[in-house]
Structure formats: C-alpha cells, structure tokens
C-alpha cells in the first residue's frame, strides 16, 4: 500500500491522526476577547466526568525563573503536568497513539507562557508501511492565552518538515525561522494553542463560533457548531460530553471528507475524549485512553 501524495506542511495519511485531533479542536473557539471560565473538577473515581462540579482553583504558581511583578495569569483549567494519551484507530485498525502535555513555564519576548507539547506516533505494525513520528510545541501567553510561538517537526515516511514560527501579536505578524513573515489576524492561534484556549470557553447548546488561525504560511477562519450533550465510554472511562462539529470556512491545512465530530467533557475542564472523521482513505477515531490532571507526587 502506498501513501497518498501530500503537500508540504500538510498532515500525512489517515494514521497521522494526532494532527486531525488538534485541527478539529482548533475550530472550537472564537476570536473574541478572553473571558476564561474557572478550572473544572476532575473525573470522579468511577470515571464519569461530573458536569457542574465545583471548579478547582486556577494554576497560579510562578515559573522558577519568574522575577516577580509580571503580568497576571489568566484562570485556566490545566496545570503543569497535565497529560492526555490517545489511541488512533484507522478504519477499525489500531494505528498508533498521540499525547498532549503541559510541560512547564517558558519566557518568550518577556512574556510568561505555558509550554505545551503534542506527539503522534504510528505503532509497530503501521510503521512497517508508513512510519510517523510527529511533534508539535506551542507557547501560550499566560495572560492573553493567544500563541506566542509554535513549532512542528514532522517525520512521515520519507517526508521531513520542520517549522518554527514566532507570533508578534502586537504587530499581527507571523515570523518564520527562514526570515519570511506574514500578516495575521488579531488574536491569532496556532493549531495547538487553540485547543487549550477553547477549554477556557463556554460551549452553549446551539452556539456557533469562529477563530482566526495560522499554519503553513496561511491564515484562515474556522467555525464550530455545538450539537448536543451525551454520555460516552472510552478506555479512560465514562464521561458526560458536549459534541461539537468544526467546519472550515476557508481552505486551510486540514481537510477531511465528511464531518468531524469532537467530544469534550461537559464540565469546566473540557477534556478531549473522542474525535471521529472521514479522511481521504477510510475513517479515523481518536479516543482518550489515559490522562493525568497534574504531576503526581511520589509518596
């Protein structure tokens, strides 16, 4: 089986679905002002997320090198050490895994940021046909929650692509590592920062939102429709979820055939539980297998 032809910087075949997870979640937020909701409670001991549970306090710890007196930290539902692990199934066949983790604080251009990493890997079976080792990293401004820096390192079959982008939000510029620059909309997001930003937003039934995004030297708009609430079961447990559908309003880097549906926990944490979509070859399902809400201290 030969993988389909691809354009530079675009996700590869169906089993490189960690990128699809991020792309789908990117469409869930709007380009308005920041009014994040407080952090939510974790799933209960039986694995069912408690909608309406008492919110936890936002992570307000300072970075180790924080000189003090810096800008305020927006209330967010994540903490350093939060970790999500996903299984990627391609047309009913397990194809690999993906993860997202809040790693640490980072200072960029004098701004305090959250450093967040995502990785996607094909399993040993699929790697014999088409090996995938993708990594993306974002730096999210701790005050505004918009992106300050984004990098991706794609290794898909014989394809290799590296990109590092600095976002000058004040001057609305995306500055690439090769010296090129592009105008971007105000409050622009990269694919990874947008997922974390949406977790700070409410998702009312029947709601619809748009967000300005930039990747692969292109800016584009995405829209989301909030469809319904339902309870689903995955390997990580049973969760009450809100189901949303992201829709491209203009051509972007992520294309799919048919609908993309995303299940997020119906609480203030908005944990990603499941993503399904049609792709050029078959269909994919990305589901949560394990998670951690913060670093666990050893007793």
Protein backbone atom coordinates (compact mmCIF):
# COMPACT_ATOMS: atom_id res chain seq x y z
CA UNK A 1 0.00 0.00 0.00
CA UNK A 2 1.42 3.38 -0.99
CA UNK A 3 0.64 6.51 0.99
CA UNK A 4 -1.19 9.29 -0.89
CA UNK A 5 0.70 12.25 -2.30
CA UNK A 6 0.87 15.18 0.06
CA UNK A 7 1.58 18.90 0.02
CA UNK A 8 4.46 20.33 2.08
CA UNK A 9 3.46 21.02 5.66
CA UNK A 10 0.14 19.14 5.46
CA UNK A 11 -0.71 16.12 7.57
CA UNK A 12 0.03 12.76 6.03
CA UNK A 13 -2.25 9.74 5.71
CA UNK A 14 -5.10 8.73 7.95
CA UNK A 15 -2.95 7.21 10.66
CA UNK A 16 -1.23 10.58 11.33
CA UNK A 17 -4.43 11.43 13.16
CA UNK A 18 -2.98 13.29 16.11
CA UNK A 19 -2.83 16.30 13.81
CA UNK A 20 -6.50 15.82 12.98
CA UNK A 21 -7.31 15.85 16.68
CA UNK A 22 -5.62 19.22 17.05
CA UNK A 23 -7.17 20.57 13.87
CA UNK A 24 -10.65 19.59 14.94
CA UNK A 25 -10.24 21.13 18.37
CA UNK A 26 -8.82 24.28 16.83
CA UNK A 27 -12.23 25.12 15.43
CA UNK A 28 -13.95 25.20 18.80
CA UNK A 29 -13.10 28.70 19.96
CA UNK A 30 -13.83 32.21 18.82
CA UNK A 31 -11.65 35.21 18.10
CA UNK A 32 -13.19 37.40 20.79
CA UNK A 33 -11.76 38.80 23.97
CA UNK A 34 -10.52 36.47 26.64
CA UNK A 35 -13.07 35.65 29.31
CA UNK A 36 -11.93 32.24 30.51
CA UNK A 37 -14.10 30.19 32.78
CA UNK A 38 -12.62 28.81 36.02
CA UNK A 39 -10.95 25.44 36.03
CA UNK A 40 -13.18 22.44 36.46
CA UNK A 41 -13.16 19.36 38.61
CA UNK A 42 -11.58 16.05 37.68
CA UNK A 43 -13.49 12.92 36.78
CA UNK A 44 -14.85 11.05 39.77
CA UNK A 45 -13.46 7.74 40.97
CA UNK A 46 -15.84 5.85 38.69
CA UNK A 47 -14.51 7.66 35.61
CA UNK A 48 -17.62 9.76 34.86
CA UNK A 49 -16.87 13.48 34.48
CA UNK A 50 -19.04 15.49 36.82
CA UNK A 51 -20.73 18.31 34.94
CA UNK A 52 -21.39 21.15 37.31
CA UNK A 53 -18.89 20.01 39.90
CA UNK A 54 -17.19 22.69 41.98
CA UNK A 55 -14.38 24.27 39.94
CA UNK A 56 -10.81 23.89 41.05
CA UNK A 57 -8.51 26.86 41.52
CA UNK A 58 -6.51 28.05 38.53
CA UNK A 59 -2.83 27.21 38.42
CA UNK A 60 -1.20 30.34 39.80
CA UNK A 61 2.28 29.00 40.54
CA UNK A 62 5.15 31.17 39.35
CA UNK A 63 7.79 29.99 36.94
CA UNK A 64 11.09 29.06 38.66
CA UNK A 65 12.84 31.98 36.94
CA UNK A 66 9.98 34.44 37.44
CA UNK A 67 11.45 37.75 38.67
CA UNK A 68 8.03 38.68 40.07
CA UNK A 69 5.84 41.62 39.22
CA UNK A 70 4.94 40.24 35.80
CA UNK A 71 1.55 40.27 34.11
CA UNK A 72 -1.39 38.44 35.63
CA UNK A 73 -2.03 34.79 34.82
CA UNK A 74 -5.41 34.05 33.26
CA UNK A 75 -7.55 31.46 35.02
CA UNK A 76 -7.18 28.15 33.18
CA UNK A 77 -8.41 24.56 33.73
CA UNK A 78 -4.99 22.95 33.31
CA UNK A 79 -1.88 22.64 35.46
CA UNK A 80 1.73 21.86 34.73
CA UNK A 81 1.98 18.11 34.26
CA UNK A 82 -1.49 17.63 32.79
CA UNK A 83 -1.31 14.79 30.30
CA UNK A 84 -3.68 13.20 27.74
CA UNK A 85 -2.96 9.90 25.96
CA UNK A 86 -4.98 8.86 22.88
CA UNK A 87 -5.41 5.77 20.75
CA UNK A 88 -5.67 6.27 16.98
CA UNK A 89 -7.81 3.81 15.02
CA UNK A 90 -7.85 3.89 11.23
CA UNK A 91 -10.83 2.14 9.62
CA UNK A 92 -11.12 -0.17 12.62
CA UNK A 93 -7.38 -0.93 12.86
CA UNK A 94 -5.29 0.42 15.71
CA UNK A 95 -2.68 2.58 14.03
CA UNK A 96 -0.85 4.44 16.76
CA UNK A 97 -1.08 6.89 19.61
CA UNK A 98 -0.96 10.59 20.38
CA UNK A 99 -0.35 12.64 23.51
CA UNK A 100 -0.62 16.21 24.72
CA UNK A 101 1.13 17.51 27.84
CA UNK A 102 1.51 20.81 29.71
CA UNK A 103 5.23 20.67 30.41
CA UNK A 104 6.42 23.87 32.12
CA UNK A 105 6.62 27.66 32.11
CA UNK A 106 8.69 29.45 29.47
CA UNK A 107 9.62 33.10 28.89
CA UNK A 108 9.37 34.40 25.30
CA UNK A 109 10.00 38.05 24.40
CA UNK A 110 9.49 38.99 28.02
CA UNK A 111 6.14 37.20 28.19
CA UNK A 112 5.35 34.33 30.52
CA UNK A 113 3.97 31.36 28.55
CA UNK A 114 2.73 27.83 29.05
CA UNK A 115 4.92 25.33 27.17
CA UNK A 116 2.72 22.56 25.76
CA UNK A 117 3.83 19.59 23.64
CA UNK A 118 1.97 17.15 21.40
CA UNK A 119 3.34 13.96 19.84
CA UNK A 120 1.93 11.45 17.36
CA UNK A 121 3.43 8.02 16.63
CA UNK A 122 2.39 5.14 14.41
CA UNK A 123 2.57 1.72 16.05
CA UNK A 124 4.99 -1.03 15.02
CA UNK A 125 2.54 -2.58 12.53
CA UNK A 126 1.76 0.64 10.65
CA UNK A 127 5.37 1.82 10.89
CA UNK A 128 6.39 -1.04 8.61
CA UNK A 129 4.28 0.61 5.92
CA UNK A 130 4.49 4.27 6.81
CA UNK A 131 6.33 5.40 9.94
CA UNK A 132 5.02 8.54 11.67
CA UNK A 133 6.87 10.47 14.36
CA UNK A 134 5.36 13.96 14.60
CA UNK A 135 5.93 16.55 17.31
CA UNK A 136 4.39 19.99 17.85
CA UNK A 137 5.01 22.56 20.56
CA UNK A 138 3.24 25.80 21.43
CA UNK A 139 3.95 28.66 23.83
CA UNK A 140 0.67 30.14 25.08
CA UNK A 141 0.74 33.61 26.59
CA UNK A 142 -0.23 33.14 30.25
CA UNK A 143 -2.16 36.41 30.32
CA UNK A 144 -3.96 36.60 26.94
CA UNK A 145 -3.93 32.84 26.13
CA UNK A 146 -3.01 33.53 22.47
CA UNK A 147 0.01 31.94 20.84
CA UNK A 148 3.50 33.42 21.07
CA UNK A 149 5.47 30.66 19.38
CA UNK A 150 4.76 27.43 17.52
CA UNK A 151 6.99 24.74 16.14
CA UNK A 152 6.37 21.42 14.44
CA UNK A 153 8.64 18.58 13.41
CA UNK A 154 7.03 16.10 11.01
CA UNK A 155 8.54 12.71 10.18
CA UNK A 156 6.11 10.77 7.99
CA UNK A 157 7.50 8.03 5.78
CA UNK A 158 10.24 9.64 3.72
CA UNK A 159 8.80 13.10 4.32
CA UNK A 160 10.53 15.51 6.70
CA UNK A 161 9.35 19.01 7.61
CA UNK A 162 10.44 21.42 10.35
CA UNK A 163 8.92 24.79 11.07
CA UNK A 164 9.35 27.37 13.83
CA UNK A 165 7.08 30.43 13.94
CA UNK A 166 7.24 33.41 16.29
CA UNK A 167 3.92 35.26 16.62
CA UNK A 168 4.11 39.02 17.12
CA UNK A 169 0.57 39.56 18.37
CA UNK A 170 1.02 43.30 18.84
CA UNK A 171 2.06 43.87 15.21
CA UNK A 172 -0.01 40.99 13.78
CA UNK A 173 2.92 39.16 12.20
CA UNK A 174 3.94 35.50 11.91
CA UNK A 175 7.74 35.36 11.72
CA UNK A 176 9.19 32.14 10.30
CA UNK A 177 12.63 30.72 11.06
CA UNK A 178 13.76 31.24 7.45
CA UNK A 179 13.21 35.00 7.72
CA UNK A 180 9.86 35.17 5.94
CA UNK A 181 6.94 36.94 7.58
CA UNK A 182 3.17 37.01 7.04
CA UNK A 183 0.38 39.27 8.17
CA UNK A 184 -2.02 37.51 10.55
CA UNK A 185 -5.36 38.48 12.10
CA UNK A 186 -5.60 39.85 15.61
CA UNK A 187 -5.77 37.22 18.38
CA UNK A 188 -4.49 34.54 16.01
CA UNK A 189 -3.92 30.95 17.17
CA UNK A 190 -1.82 28.02 16.06
CA UNK A 191 -3.39 24.55 15.94
CA UNK A 192 -2.23 23.54 19.41
CA UNK A 193 -2.82 26.78 21.32
CA UNK A 194 -6.40 26.89 20.04
CA UNK A 195 -7.29 23.59 21.67
CA UNK A 196 -6.15 24.84 25.06
CA UNK A 197 -7.85 28.19 24.54
CA UNK A 198 -11.21 26.58 23.78
CA UNK A 199 -11.07 24.76 27.09
CA UNK A 200 -11.44 28.14 28.78
CA UNK A 201 -14.64 28.96 26.88
CA UNK A 202 -18.29 28.02 27.42
CA UNK A 203 -19.99 25.90 24.72
CA UNK A 204 -23.74 26.56 24.89
CA UNK A 205 -26.19 24.35 23.02
CA UNK A 206 -26.80 25.70 19.53
CA UNK A 207 -23.81 28.02 19.79
CA UNK A 208 -21.55 28.88 16.88
CA UNK A 209 -18.08 30.40 16.95
CA UNK A 210 -15.20 31.36 14.65
CA UNK A 211 -11.49 31.68 15.30
CA UNK A 212 -8.63 33.14 13.24
CA UNK A 213 -5.83 30.60 12.79
CA UNK A 214 -2.47 30.41 11.05
CA UNK A 215 -0.33 27.46 9.96
CA UNK A 216 1.85 26.54 6.99
CA UNK A 217 2.14 30.22 5.96
CA UNK A 218 -1.62 30.59 5.61
CA UNK A 219 -4.30 32.27 7.70
CA UNK A 220 -7.87 31.04 7.65
CA UNK A 221 -11.10 31.01 9.64
CA UNK A 222 -12.70 28.07 11.37
CA UNK A 223 -16.20 27.72 12.75
CA UNK A 224 -17.74 25.38 15.30
CA UNK A 225 -21.27 24.22 15.87
CA UNK A 226 -22.33 22.92 19.28
CA UNK A 227 -24.55 19.93 18.52
CA UNK A 228 -25.66 18.13 21.68
CA UNK A 229 -24.79 16.62 25.05
CA UNK A 230 -24.32 12.89 25.56
CA UNK A 231 -22.50 10.32 27.70
CA UNK A 232 -19.87 8.13 26.05
CA UNK A 233 -17.49 5.41 27.18
CA UNK A 234 -13.85 5.13 26.11
CA UNK A 235 -10.85 3.28 27.54
CA UNK A 236 -10.20 6.09 30.02
CA UNK A 237 -13.71 5.88 31.49
CA UNK A 238 -17.27 7.12 31.03
CA UNK A 239 -17.77 10.84 30.50
CA UNK A 240 -20.62 13.31 30.09
CA UNK A 241 -19.65 15.21 26.94
CA UNK A 242 -20.59 18.09 24.69
CA UNK A 243 -20.44 17.16 20.99
CA UNK A 244 -19.19 19.80 18.58
CA UNK A 245 -18.59 19.95 14.84
CA UNK A 246 -15.72 22.09 13.48
CA UNK A 247 -16.16 23.45 9.95
CA UNK A 248 -13.64 25.11 7.65
CA UNK A 249 -14.92 28.46 6.40
CA UNK A 250 -11.99 28.82 4.02
CA UNK A 251 -9.30 26.47 2.77
CA UNK A 252 -6.86 25.55 5.48
CA UNK A 253 -4.25 22.90 6.11
CA UNK A 254 -6.61 20.24 7.39
CA UNK A 255 -9.13 18.69 5.03
CA UNK A 256 -11.47 15.80 5.59
CA UNK A 257 -14.22 14.12 3.66
CA UNK A 258 -17.42 14.27 5.65
CA UNK A 259 -17.99 15.53 9.15
CA UNK A 260 -15.55 15.92 12.02
CA UNK A 261 -17.16 15.33 15.41
CA UNK A 262 -15.45 16.09 18.70
CA UNK A 263 -16.48 15.00 22.21
CA UNK A 264 -15.29 17.22 25.09
CA UNK A 265 -16.13 16.66 28.74
CA UNK A 266 -19.19 18.69 29.70
CA UNK A 267 -17.50 20.41 32.62
CA UNK A 268 -15.14 23.34 33.04
CA UNK A 269 -12.09 21.23 32.14
CA UNK A 270 -13.29 20.45 28.59
CA UNK A 271 -11.04 17.39 28.38
CA UNK A 272 -10.87 15.86 24.87
CA UNK A 273 -12.43 12.39 24.91
CA UNK A 274 -13.02 11.41 21.30
CA UNK A 275 -12.71 12.62 17.69
CA UNK A 276 -14.15 10.91 14.62
CA UNK A 277 -13.88 11.83 10.95
CA UNK A 278 -13.77 10.63 7.40
CA UNK A 279 -10.40 11.06 5.69
CA UNK A 280 -9.20 10.52 2.10
CA UNK A 281 -8.61 6.83 2.86
CA UNK A 282 -11.24 5.38 5.21
CA UNK A 283 -12.12 6.91 8.58
CA UNK A 284 -10.36 7.57 11.86
CA UNK A 285 -11.31 7.57 15.52
CA UNK A 286 -9.14 9.17 18.20
CA UNK A 287 -10.10 8.23 21.77
CA UNK A 288 -8.78 9.00 25.23
CA UNK A 289 -7.01 6.07 26.90
CA UNK A 290 -5.35 7.72 29.89
CA UNK A 291 -4.96 11.13 31.50
CA UNK A 292 -3.37 12.94 34.40
CA UNK A 293 -4.51 16.35 35.64
CA UNK A 294 -1.17 17.41 37.15
CA UNK A 295 2.19 15.96 38.13
CA UNK A 296 1.69 13.23 40.70
CA UNK A 297 3.95 13.49 43.70
CA UNK A 298 5.60 10.31 44.94
CA UNK A 299 4.58 9.37 48.45
